[in-house]
Amino acid sequence: MMSLPFVLFACGLGAAWTSRRVAALGFWVAGVLMLLVLFRMHATDVLNIAL
């Protein structure tokens, strides 16, 4: 799950390499948004530590 933003970033780099600027920008924006959402889900997760 946490690798999805980095896959999107790689797709953005591939699109930029092939001179598709709109697709590259879309992949990068989607990657940043997904990274923020996943971080928000992870940062607000409660740790259940049973001793």
Protein backbone atom coordinates (compact mmCIF):
# COMPACT_ATOMS: atom_id res chain seq x y z
CA MET A 1 0.00 0.00 0.00
CA MET A 2 2.77 2.44 0.88
CA SER A 3 4.54 1.70 -2.41
CA LEU A 4 1.66 3.07 -4.52
CA PRO A 5 2.77 6.73 -4.33
CA PHE A 6 6.26 5.75 -5.44
CA VAL A 7 4.87 3.75 -8.35
CA LEU A 8 2.92 6.85 -9.36
CA PHE A 9 6.09 8.95 -9.08
CA ALA A 10 7.89 6.44 -11.31
CA CYS A 11 5.04 6.64 -13.83
CA GLY A 12 5.35 10.42 -13.71
CA LEU A 13 9.06 10.18 -14.45
CA GLY A 14 8.35 7.82 -17.32
CA ALA A 15 5.74 10.18 -18.74
CA ALA A 16 8.14 13.11 -18.41
CA TRP A 17 10.83 11.08 -20.15
CA THR A 18 8.49 10.55 -23.12
CA SER A 19 7.57 14.28 -23.18
CA ARG A 20 4.00 13.87 -21.94
CA ARG A 21 3.84 16.83 -19.57
CA VAL A 22 0.14 16.68 -18.69
CA ALA A 23 0.30 12.97 -17.85
CA ALA A 24 3.49 13.48 -15.85
CA LEU A 25 1.93 16.29 -13.86
CA GLY A 26 -1.17 14.17 -13.23
CA PHE A 27 0.89 11.24 -11.96
CA TRP A 28 2.93 13.51 -9.68
CA VAL A 29 -0.15 15.21 -8.23
CA ALA A 30 -1.84 11.84 -7.69
CA GLY A 31 1.31 10.52 -6.00
CA VAL A 32 1.57 13.49 -3.65
CA LEU A 33 -2.12 13.29 -2.75
CA MET A 34 -1.91 9.56 -2.12
CA LEU A 35 1.21 10.04 -0.01
CA LEU A 36 -0.56 12.65 2.11
CA VAL A 37 -3.67 10.49 2.53
CA LEU A 38 -1.66 7.42 3.52
CA PHE A 39 0.44 9.46 5.94
CA ARG A 40 -2.73 10.92 7.48
CA MET A 41 -4.16 7.42 7.92
CA HIS A 42 -0.90 6.21 9.45
CA ALA A 43 -0.33 9.22 11.71
CA THR A 44 -3.82 9.06 13.23
CA ASP A 45 -3.77 5.30 13.77
CA VAL A 46 -4.05 4.24 17.40
CA LEU A 47 -1.33 1.96 18.70
CA ASN A 48 -2.78 -0.91 20.69
CA ILE A 49 0.02 -2.01 22.98
CA ALA A 50 -1.03 -4.75 25.35
CA LEU A 51 1.36 -5.41 28.22
